[in-house]
């Protein structure tokens, strides 16, 4: 699936997640694996509890983190693509954005 800044993502249903020491750990039975997110990944995961446009994720992160937009876009897009690949999130219709 092609991920763009206009894509709208949301957490996949049926995943188990727990927060520990400010970090989220997600268990995916479908992937038969667990995922331990760092602080920024945890922040992104929280945003994706409801449908969120990738562009808005990047904008919100840029307000709280001092990093160039090129590096942030590269790293966040890579992370979001891995979430898609592992089926932890899914792309939804633009109309679902709150």
PDB file of N, CA and C in Angstrom:
ATOM      1  N   UNK A   1       0.831  -1.174   0.000  1.00  0.00           N
ATOM      2  CA  UNK A   1       0.000   0.000   0.000  1.00  0.00           C
ATOM      3  C   UNK A   1       0.882   1.246   0.000  1.00  0.00           C
ATOM      4  N   UNK A   2       0.520   2.222  -0.792  1.00  0.00           N
ATOM      5  CA  UNK A   2       1.294   3.454  -0.907  1.00  0.00           C
ATOM      6  C   UNK A   2       0.955   4.430   0.208  1.00  0.00           C
ATOM      7  N   UNK A   3       1.924   4.734   1.027  1.00  0.00           N
ATOM      8  CA  UNK A   3       1.753   5.675   2.124  1.00  0.00           C
ATOM      9  C   UNK A   3       2.221   7.048   1.660  1.00  0.00           C
ATOM     10  N   UNK A   4       1.369   8.058   1.830  1.00  0.00           N
ATOM     11  CA  UNK A   4       1.728   9.433   1.490  1.00  0.00           C
ATOM     12  C   UNK A   4       1.403  10.332   2.680  1.00  0.00           C
ATOM     13  N   UNK A   5       1.793  11.593   2.594  1.00  0.00           N
ATOM     14  CA  UNK A   5       1.476  12.530   3.670  1.00  0.00           C
ATOM     15  C   UNK A   5      -0.026  12.778   3.760  1.00  0.00           C
ATOM     16  N   UNK A   6      -0.767  12.447   2.709  1.00  0.00           N
ATOM     17  CA  UNK A   6      -2.220  12.615   2.723  1.00  0.00           C
ATOM     18  C   UNK A   6      -2.961  11.380   3.226  1.00  0.00           C
ATOM     19  N   UNK A   7      -2.237  10.282   3.457  1.00  0.00           N
ATOM     20  CA  UNK A   7      -2.864   9.063   3.970  1.00  0.00           C
ATOM     21  C   UNK A   7      -3.408   9.309   5.369  1.00  0.00           C
ATOM     22  N   UNK A   8      -4.503   8.649   5.682  1.00  0.00           N
ATOM     23  CA  UNK A   8      -5.095   8.699   7.015  1.00  0.00           C
ATOM     24  C   UNK A   8      -4.948   7.312   7.622  1.00  0.00           C
ATOM     25  N   UNK A   9      -4.338   7.259   8.801  1.00  0.00           N
ATOM     26  CA  UNK A   9      -4.071   5.986   9.468  1.00  0.00           C
ATOM     27  C   UNK A   9      -4.806   5.910  10.797  1.00  0.00           C
ATOM     28  N   UNK A  10      -5.054   4.675  11.230  1.00  0.00           N
ATOM     29  CA  UNK A  10      -5.640   4.422  12.541  1.00  0.00           C
ATOM     30  C   UNK A  10      -5.114   3.069  13.021  1.00  0.00           C
ATOM     31  N   UNK A  11      -5.057   2.906  14.350  1.00  0.00           N
ATOM     32  CA  UNK A  11      -4.624   1.634  14.913  1.00  0.00           C
ATOM     33  C   UNK A  11      -5.552   0.517  14.442  1.00  0.00           C
ATOM     34  N   UNK A  12      -4.967  -0.633  14.189  1.00  0.00           N
ATOM     35  CA  UNK A  12      -5.750  -1.816  13.843  1.00  0.00           C
ATOM     36  C   UNK A  12      -6.496  -2.263  15.099  1.00  0.00           C
ATOM     37  N   UNK A  13      -7.676  -2.821  14.920  1.00  0.00           N
ATOM     38  CA  UNK A  13      -8.453  -3.287  16.074  1.00  0.00           C
ATOM     39  C   UNK A  13      -7.917  -4.645  16.544  1.00  0.00           C
ATOM     40  N   UNK A  14      -8.187  -4.960  17.798  1.00  0.00           N
ATOM     41  CA  UNK A  14      -7.839  -6.270  18.331  1.00  0.00           C
ATOM     42  C   UNK A  14      -6.402  -6.418  18.802  1.00  0.00           C
ATOM     43  N   UNK A  15      -5.673  -5.320  18.920  1.00  0.00           N
ATOM     44  CA  UNK A  15      -4.302  -5.385  19.413  1.00  0.00           C
ATOM     45  C   UNK A  15      -4.282  -5.128  20.916  1.00  0.00           C
ATOM     46  N   UNK A  16      -3.360  -5.761  21.591  1.00  0.00           N
ATOM     47  CA  UNK A  16      -3.172  -5.500  23.018  1.00  0.00           C
ATOM     48  C   UNK A  16      -1.993  -4.560  23.176  1.00  0.00           C
ATOM     49  N   UNK A  17      -2.177  -3.515  23.963  1.00  0.00           N
ATOM     50  CA  UNK A  17      -1.108  -2.548  24.192  1.00  0.00           C
ATOM     51  C   UNK A  17      -1.060  -2.199  25.670  1.00  0.00           C
ATOM     52  N   UNK A  18       0.151  -1.990  26.160  1.00  0.00           N
ATOM     53  CA  UNK A  18       0.334  -1.585  27.552  1.00  0.00           C
ATOM     54  C   UNK A  18       1.431  -0.541  27.608  1.00  0.00           C
ATOM     55  N   UNK A  19       1.278   0.414  28.530  1.00  0.00           N
ATOM     56  CA  UNK A  19       2.292   1.442  28.708  1.00  0.00           C
ATOM     57  C   UNK A  19       3.138   1.080  29.918  1.00  0.00           C
ATOM     58  N   UNK A  20       4.434   1.258  29.747  1.00  0.00           N
ATOM     59  CA  UNK A  20       5.365   0.990  30.845  1.00  0.00           C
ATOM     60  C   UNK A  20       6.495   2.001  30.764  1.00  0.00           C
ATOM     61  N   UNK A  21       6.685   2.742  31.823  1.00  0.00           N
ATOM     62  CA  UNK A  21       7.750   3.748  31.887  1.00  0.00           C
ATOM     63  C   UNK A  21       7.690   4.726  30.726  1.00  0.00           C
ATOM     64  N   UNK A  22       6.473   5.137  30.345  1.00  0.00           N
ATOM     65  CA  UNK A  22       6.309   6.117  29.282  1.00  0.00           C
ATOM     66  C   UNK A  22       6.464   5.562  27.881  1.00  0.00           C
ATOM     67  N   UNK A  23       6.544   4.253  27.756  1.00  0.00           N
ATOM     68  CA  UNK A  23       6.681   3.596  26.449  1.00  0.00           C
ATOM     69  C   UNK A  23       5.538   2.607  26.279  1.00  0.00           C
ATOM     70  N   UNK A  24       5.142   2.406  25.041  1.00  0.00           N
ATOM     71  CA  UNK A  24       4.072   1.466  24.746  1.00  0.00           C
ATOM     72  C   UNK A  24       4.669   0.180  24.180  1.00  0.00           C
ATOM     73  N   UNK A  25       4.109  -0.935  24.631  1.00  0.00           N
ATOM     74  CA  UNK A  25       4.426  -2.238  24.067  1.00  0.00           C
ATOM     75  C   UNK A  25       3.129  -2.766  23.465  1.00  0.00           C
ATOM     76  N   UNK A  26       3.183  -3.158  22.186  1.00  0.00           N
ATOM     77  CA  UNK A  26       2.008  -3.649  21.475  1.00  0.00           C
ATOM     78  C   UNK A  26       2.222  -5.112  21.150  1.00  0.00           C
ATOM     79  N   UNK A  27       1.209  -5.922  21.454  1.00  0.00           N
ATOM     80  CA  UNK A  27       1.247  -7.341  21.140  1.00  0.00           C
ATOM     81  C   UNK A  27       0.323  -7.598  19.959  1.00  0.00           C
ATOM     82  N   UNK A  28       0.875  -8.203  18.922  1.00  0.00           N
ATOM     83  CA  UNK A  28       0.083  -8.565  17.756  1.00  0.00           C
ATOM     84  C   UNK A  28       0.087 -10.080  17.614  1.00  0.00           C
ATOM     85  N   UNK A  29      -1.066 -10.691  17.865  1.00  0.00           N
ATOM     86  CA  UNK A  29      -1.166 -12.131  17.683  1.00  0.00           C
ATOM     87  C   UNK A  29      -1.056 -12.494  16.210  1.00  0.00           C
ATOM     88  N   UNK A  30      -1.559 -11.629  15.345  1.00  0.00           N
ATOM     89  CA  UNK A  30      -1.498 -11.863  13.904  1.00  0.00           C
ATOM     90  C   UNK A  30      -0.045 -11.917  13.423  1.00  0.00           C
ATOM     91  N   UNK A  31       0.793 -11.030  13.940  1.00  0.00           N
ATOM     92  CA  UNK A  31       2.203 -11.006  13.554  1.00  0.00           C
ATOM     93  C   UNK A  31       3.029 -11.947  14.428  1.00  0.00           C
ATOM     94  N   UNK A  32       2.395 -12.503  15.463  1.00  0.00           N
ATOM     95  CA  UNK A  32       3.076 -13.382  16.416  1.00  0.00           C
ATOM     96  C   UNK A  32       4.317 -12.704  16.977  1.00  0.00           C
ATOM     97  N   UNK A  33       4.139 -11.424  17.354  1.00  0.00           N
ATOM     98  CA  UNK A  33       5.272 -10.653  17.833  1.00  0.00           C
ATOM     99  C   UNK A  33       4.785  -9.513  18.716  1.00  0.00           C
ATOM    100  N   UNK A  34       5.743  -8.918  19.433  1.00  0.00           N
ATOM    101  CA  UNK A  34       5.426  -7.713  20.183  1.00  0.00           C
ATOM    102  C   UNK A  34       6.366  -6.606  19.730  1.00  0.00           C
ATOM    103  N   UNK A  35       5.925  -5.382  19.933  1.00  0.00           N
ATOM    104  CA  UNK A  35       6.646  -4.207  19.465  1.00  0.00           C
ATOM    105  C   UNK A  35       6.802  -3.247  20.634  1.00  0.00           C
ATOM    106  N   UNK A  36       8.032  -2.891  20.937  1.00  0.00           N
ATOM    107  CA  UNK A  36       8.365  -1.998  22.047  1.00  0.00           C
ATOM    108  C   UNK A  36       8.713  -0.640  21.445  1.00  0.00           C
ATOM    109  N   UNK A  37       7.859   0.353  21.641  1.00  0.00           N
ATOM    110  CA  UNK A  37       8.027   1.666  21.023  1.00  0.00           C
ATOM    111  C   UNK A  37       8.832   2.604  21.922  1.00  0.00           C
ATOM    112  N   UNK A  38       9.691   3.412  21.294  1.00  0.00           N
ATOM    113  CA  UNK A  38      10.399   4.450  22.032  1.00  0.00           C
ATOM    114  C   UNK A  38       9.438   5.612  22.292  1.00  0.00           C
ATOM    115  N   UNK A  39       9.956   6.693  22.861  1.00  0.00           N
ATOM    116  CA  UNK A  39       9.098   7.809  23.272  1.00  0.00           C
ATOM    117  C   UNK A  39       8.345   8.438  22.096  1.00  0.00           C
ATOM    118  N   UNK A  40       9.039   8.702  20.996  1.00  0.00           N
ATOM    119  CA  UNK A  40       8.381   9.328  19.841  1.00  0.00           C
ATOM    120  C   UNK A  40       7.394   8.358  19.194  1.00  0.00           C
ATOM    121  N   UNK A  41       7.770   7.099  19.079  1.00  0.00           N
ATOM    122  CA  UNK A  41       6.860   6.103  18.524  1.00  0.00           C
ATOM    123  C   UNK A  41       5.612   5.965  19.393  1.00  0.00           C
ATOM    124  N   UNK A  42       5.788   6.054  20.707  1.00  0.00           N
ATOM    125  CA  UNK A  42       4.653   6.014  21.630  1.00  0.00           C
ATOM    126  C   UNK A  42       3.745   7.216  21.411  1.00  0.00           C
ATOM    127  N   UNK A  43       4.346   8.371  21.171  1.00  0.00           N
ATOM    128  CA  UNK A  43       3.572   9.580  20.894  1.00  0.00           C
ATOM    129  C   UNK A  43       2.743   9.399  19.609  1.00  0.00           C
ATOM    130  N   UNK A  44       3.365   8.854  18.583  1.00  0.00           N
ATOM    131  CA  UNK A  44       2.668   8.603  17.316  1.00  0.00           C
ATOM    132  C   UNK A  44       1.554   7.585  17.532  1.00  0.00           C
ATOM    133  N   UNK A  45       1.845   6.519  18.261  1.00  0.00           N
ATOM    134  CA  UNK A  45       0.851   5.476  18.519  1.00  0.00           C
ATOM    135  C   UNK A  45      -0.384   6.068  19.202  1.00  0.00           C
ATOM    136  N   UNK A  46      -0.164   6.967  20.129  1.00  0.00           N
ATOM    137  CA  UNK A  46      -1.284   7.620  20.811  1.00  0.00           C
ATOM    138  C   UNK A  46      -2.139   8.429  19.853  1.00  0.00           C
ATOM    139  N   UNK A  47      -1.505   9.123  18.921  1.00  0.00           N
ATOM    140  CA  UNK A  47      -2.268   9.887  17.924  1.00  0.00           C
ATOM    141  C   UNK A  47      -3.143   8.965  17.089  1.00  0.00           C
ATOM    142  N   UNK A  48      -2.638   7.769  16.812  1.00  0.00           N
ATOM    143  CA  UNK A  48      -3.344   6.858  15.915  1.00  0.00           C
ATOM    144  C   UNK A  48      -4.465   6.084  16.595  1.00  0.00           C
ATOM    145  N   UNK A  49      -4.801   6.462  17.826  1.00  0.00           N
ATOM    146  CA  UNK A  49      -5.951   5.825  18.481  1.00  0.00           C
ATOM    147  C   UNK A  49      -7.251   6.228  17.779  1.00  0.00           C
ATOM    148  N   UNK A  50      -7.193   7.324  17.028  1.00  0.00           N
ATOM    149  CA  UNK A  50      -8.299   7.721  16.154  1.00  0.00           C
ATOM    150  C   UNK A  50      -7.671   8.071  14.803  1.00  0.00           C
ATOM    151  N   UNK A  51      -8.471   8.100  13.739  1.00  0.00           N
ATOM    152  CA  UNK A  51      -7.904   8.387  12.412  1.00  0.00           C
ATOM    153  C   UNK A  51      -7.128   9.701  12.384  1.00  0.00           C
ATOM    154  N   UNK A  52      -5.937   9.652  11.818  1.00  0.00           N
ATOM    155  CA  UNK A  52      -5.026  10.802  11.809  1.00  0.00           C
ATOM    156  C   UNK A  52      -4.303  10.867  10.474  1.00  0.00           C
ATOM    157  N   UNK A  53      -4.280  12.037   9.880  1.00  0.00           N
ATOM    158  CA  UNK A  53      -3.575  12.240   8.613  1.00  0.00           C
ATOM    159  C   UNK A  53      -2.062  12.302   8.881  1.00  0.00           C
ATOM    160  N   UNK A  54      -1.273  11.642   8.037  1.00  0.00           N
ATOM    161  CA  UNK A  54       0.180  11.612   8.199  1.00  0.00           C
ATOM    162  C   UNK A  54       0.750  13.021   8.261  1.00  0.00           C
ATOM    163  N   UNK A  55       0.292  13.907   7.410  1.00  0.00           N
ATOM    164  CA  UNK A  55       0.766  15.292   7.403  1.00  0.00           C
ATOM    165  C   UNK A  55       0.549  15.956   8.765  1.00  0.00           C
ATOM    166  N   UNK A  56      -0.580  15.666   9.406  1.00  0.00           N
ATOM    167  CA  UNK A  56      -0.877  16.247  10.715  1.00  0.00           C
ATOM    168  C   UNK A  56       0.023  15.659  11.805  1.00  0.00           C
ATOM    169  N   UNK A  57       0.369  14.386  11.670  1.00  0.00           N
ATOM    170  CA  UNK A  57       1.308  13.755  12.606  1.00  0.00           C
ATOM    171  C   UNK A  57       2.653  14.470  12.524  1.00  0.00           C
ATOM    172  N   UNK A  58       3.131  14.669  11.302  1.00  0.00           N
ATOM    173  CA  UNK A  58       4.417  15.343  11.104  1.00  0.00           C
ATOM    174  C   UNK A  58       4.387  16.759  11.669  1.00  0.00           C
ATOM    175  N   UNK A  59       3.303  17.455  11.434  1.00  0.00           N
ATOM    176  CA  UNK A  59       3.177  18.832  11.919  1.00  0.00           C
ATOM    177  C   UNK A  59       3.172  18.883  13.450  1.00  0.00           C
ATOM    178  N   UNK A  60       2.426  17.990  14.060  1.00  0.00           N
ATOM    179  CA  UNK A  60       2.348  17.970  15.524  1.00  0.00           C
ATOM    180  C   UNK A  60       3.702  17.614  16.137  1.00  0.00           C
ATOM    181  N   UNK A  61       4.385  16.641  15.561  1.00  0.00           N
ATOM    182  CA  UNK A  61       5.700  16.260  16.076  1.00  0.00           C
ATOM    183  C   UNK A  61       6.710  17.395  15.939  1.00  0.00           C
ATOM    184  N   UNK A  62       6.618  18.142  14.849  1.00  0.00           N
ATOM    185  CA  UNK A  62       7.569  19.234  14.627  1.00  0.00           C
ATOM    186  C   UNK A  62       7.423  20.337  15.672  1.00  0.00           C
ATOM    187  N   UNK A  63       6.255  20.433  16.298  1.00  0.00           N
ATOM    188  CA  UNK A  63       6.028  21.425  17.345  1.00  0.00           C
ATOM    189  C   UNK A  63       6.719  21.050  18.655  1.00  0.00           C
ATOM    190  N   UNK A  64       6.996  19.748  18.843  1.00  0.00           N
ATOM    191  CA  UNK A  64       7.542  19.266  20.112  1.00  0.00           C
ATOM    192  C   UNK A  64       8.973  18.745  20.021  1.00  0.00           C
ATOM    193  N   UNK A  65       9.495  18.583  18.811  1.00  0.00           N
ATOM    194  CA  UNK A  65      10.822  17.979  18.648  1.00  0.00           C
ATOM    195  C   UNK A  65      11.671  18.851  17.737  1.00  0.00           C
ATOM    196  N   UNK A  66      12.893  19.076  18.152  1.00  0.00           N
ATOM    197  CA  UNK A  66      13.812  19.921  17.406  1.00  0.00           C
ATOM    198  C   UNK A  66      14.631  19.063  16.442  1.00  0.00           C
ATOM    199  N   UNK A  67      14.078  18.829  15.269  1.00  0.00           N
ATOM    200  CA  UNK A  67      14.746  18.038  14.240  1.00  0.00           C
ATOM    201  C   UNK A  67      14.329  18.603  12.888  1.00  0.00           C
ATOM    202  N   UNK A  68      15.192  18.480  11.897  1.00  0.00           N
ATOM    203  CA  UNK A  68      14.861  19.028  10.579  1.00  0.00           C
ATOM    204  C   UNK A  68      13.652  18.299   9.998  1.00  0.00           C
ATOM    205  N   UNK A  69      12.897  18.997   9.172  1.00  0.00           N
ATOM    206  CA  UNK A  69      11.697  18.403   8.580  1.00  0.00           C
ATOM    207  C   UNK A  69      12.052  17.233   7.670  1.00  0.00           C
ATOM    208  N   UNK A  70      13.211  17.296   7.008  1.00  0.00           N
ATOM    209  CA  UNK A  70      13.620  16.200   6.123  1.00  0.00           C
ATOM    210  C   UNK A  70      13.870  14.918   6.912  1.00  0.00           C
ATOM    211  N   UNK A  71      14.603  15.039   8.019  1.00  0.00           N
ATOM    212  CA  UNK A  71      14.896  13.864   8.840  1.00  0.00           C
ATOM    213  C   UNK A  71      13.623  13.339   9.482  1.00  0.00           C
ATOM    214  N   UNK A  72      12.793  14.253   9.999  1.00  0.00           N
ATOM    215  CA  UNK A  72      11.557  13.822  10.628  1.00  0.00           C
ATOM    216  C   UNK A  72      10.659  13.095   9.621  1.00  0.00           C
ATOM    217  N   UNK A  73      10.506  13.664   8.448  1.00  0.00           N
ATOM    218  CA  UNK A  73       9.658  13.035   7.431  1.00  0.00           C
ATOM    219  C   UNK A  73      10.194  11.659   7.067  1.00  0.00           C
ATOM    220  N   UNK A  74      11.485  11.553   6.842  1.00  0.00           N
ATOM    221  CA  UNK A  74      12.090  10.269   6.480  1.00  0.00           C
ATOM    222  C   UNK A  74      11.857   9.226   7.576  1.00  0.00           C
ATOM    223  N   UNK A  75      12.160   9.595   8.816  1.00  0.00           N
ATOM    224  CA  UNK A  75      12.049   8.640   9.923  1.00  0.00           C
ATOM    225  C   UNK A  75      10.609   8.269  10.238  1.00  0.00           C
ATOM    226  N   UNK A  76       9.730   9.261  10.275  1.00  0.00           N
ATOM    227  CA  UNK A  76       8.325   8.988  10.611  1.00  0.00           C
ATOM    228  C   UNK A  76       7.650   8.187   9.491  1.00  0.00           C
ATOM    229  N   UNK A  77       7.916   8.546   8.241  1.00  0.00           N
ATOM    230  CA  UNK A  77       7.313   7.788   7.129  1.00  0.00           C
ATOM    231  C   UNK A  77       7.793   6.333   7.161  1.00  0.00           C
ATOM    232  N   UNK A  78       9.065   6.118   7.460  1.00  0.00           N
ATOM    233  CA  UNK A  78       9.585   4.752   7.574  1.00  0.00           C
ATOM    234  C   UNK A  78       8.920   3.982   8.696  1.00  0.00           C
ATOM    235  N   UNK A  79       8.739   4.657   9.843  1.00  0.00           N
ATOM    236  CA  UNK A  79       8.078   4.016  10.979  1.00  0.00           C
ATOM    237  C   UNK A  79       6.628   3.679  10.650  1.00  0.00           C
ATOM    238  N   UNK A  80       5.911   4.638  10.063  1.00  0.00           N
ATOM    239  CA  UNK A  80       4.507   4.405   9.720  1.00  0.00           C
ATOM    240  C   UNK A  80       4.372   3.287   8.683  1.00  0.00           C
ATOM    241  N   UNK A  81       5.289   3.238   7.736  1.00  0.00           N
ATOM    242  CA  UNK A  81       5.258   2.162   6.744  1.00  0.00           C
ATOM    243  C   UNK A  81       5.466   0.804   7.422  1.00  0.00           C
ATOM    244  N   UNK A  82       6.357   0.760   8.408  1.00  0.00           N
ATOM    245  CA  UNK A  82       6.568  -0.507   9.120  1.00  0.00           C
ATOM    246  C   UNK A  82       5.327  -0.898   9.922  1.00  0.00           C
ATOM    247  N   UNK A  83       4.618   0.090  10.494  1.00  0.00           N
ATOM    248  CA  UNK A  83       3.363  -0.213  11.189  1.00  0.00           C
ATOM    249  C   UNK A  83       2.335  -0.803  10.228  1.00  0.00           C
ATOM    250  N   UNK A  84       2.283  -0.248   9.021  1.00  0.00           N
ATOM    251  CA  UNK A  84       1.378  -0.775   7.992  1.00  0.00           C
ATOM    252  C   UNK A  84       1.759  -2.191   7.607  1.00  0.00           C
ATOM    253  N   UNK A  85       3.037  -2.400   7.365  1.00  0.00           N
ATOM    254  CA  UNK A  85       3.533  -3.715   6.951  1.00  0.00           C
ATOM    255  C   UNK A  85       3.241  -4.772   8.007  1.00  0.00           C
ATOM    256  N   UNK A  86       3.400  -4.399   9.280  1.00  0.00           N
ATOM    257  CA  UNK A  86       3.159  -5.339  10.386  1.00  0.00           C
ATOM    258  C   UNK A  86       1.671  -5.430  10.756  1.00  0.00           C
ATOM    259  N   UNK A  87       0.842  -4.677  10.051  1.00  0.00           N
ATOM    260  CA  UNK A  87      -0.607  -4.646  10.272  1.00  0.00           C
ATOM    261  C   UNK A  87      -0.994  -4.165  11.671  1.00  0.00           C
ATOM    262  N   UNK A  88      -0.232  -3.196  12.153  1.00  0.00           N
ATOM    263  CA  UNK A  88      -0.572  -2.564  13.426  1.00  0.00           C
ATOM    264  C   UNK A  88      -1.476  -1.364  13.201  1.00  0.00           C
ATOM    265  N   UNK A  89      -1.440  -0.813  11.998  1.00  0.00           N
ATOM    266  CA  UNK A  89      -2.326   0.284  11.607  1.00  0.00           C
ATOM    267  C   UNK A  89      -2.878  -0.026  10.225  1.00  0.00           C
ATOM    268  N   UNK A  90      -3.915   0.718   9.863  1.00  0.00           N
ATOM    269  CA  UNK A  90      -4.494   0.572   8.519  1.00  0.00           C
ATOM    270  C   UNK A  90      -4.821   1.958   7.976  1.00  0.00           C
ATOM    271  N   UNK A  91      -4.885   2.051   6.663  1.00  0.00           N
ATOM    272  CA  UNK A  91      -5.286   3.287   5.997  1.00  0.00           C
ATOM    273  C   UNK A  91      -6.802   3.315   5.925  1.00  0.00           C
ATOM    274  N   UNK A  92      -7.369   4.463   6.274  1.00  0.00           N
ATOM    275  CA  UNK A  92      -8.826   4.629   6.243  1.00  0.00           C
ATOM    276  C   UNK A  92      -9.181   5.800   5.321  1.00  0.00           C
ATOM    277  N   UNK A  93     -10.447   5.953   5.050  1.00  0.00           N
ATOM    278  CA  UNK A  93     -10.924   7.014   4.178  1.00  0.00           C
ATOM    279  C   UNK A  93     -10.733   8.380   4.840  1.00  0.00           C
ATOM    280  N   UNK A  94     -10.489   9.394   4.042  1.00  0.00           N
ATOM    281  CA  UNK A  94     -10.286  10.753   4.528  1.00  0.00           C
ATOM    282  C   UNK A  94     -11.474  11.228   5.355  1.00  0.00           C
ATOM    283  N   UNK A  95     -12.646  10.783   5.014  1.00  0.00           N
ATOM    284  CA  UNK A  95     -13.865  11.217   5.725  1.00  0.00           C
ATOM    285  C   UNK A  95     -13.866  10.791   7.182  1.00  0.00           C
ATOM    286  N   UNK A  96     -13.023   9.808   7.539  1.00  0.00           N
ATOM    287  CA  UNK A  96     -12.990   9.303   8.906  1.00  0.00           C
ATOM    288  C   UNK A  96     -12.147  10.162   9.849  1.00  0.00           C
ATOM    289  N   UNK A  97     -11.486  11.188   9.318  1.00  0.00           N
ATOM    290  CA  UNK A  97     -10.657  12.066  10.151  1.00  0.00           C
ATOM    291  C   UNK A  97     -11.570  12.924  11.024  1.00  0.00           C
ATOM    292  N   UNK A  98     -11.230  13.002  12.306  1.00  0.00           N
ATOM    293  CA  UNK A  98     -12.049  13.790  13.233  1.00  0.00           C
ATOM    294  C   UNK A  98     -11.593  15.205  13.298  1.00  0.00           C
TER     295      UNK A  98
END
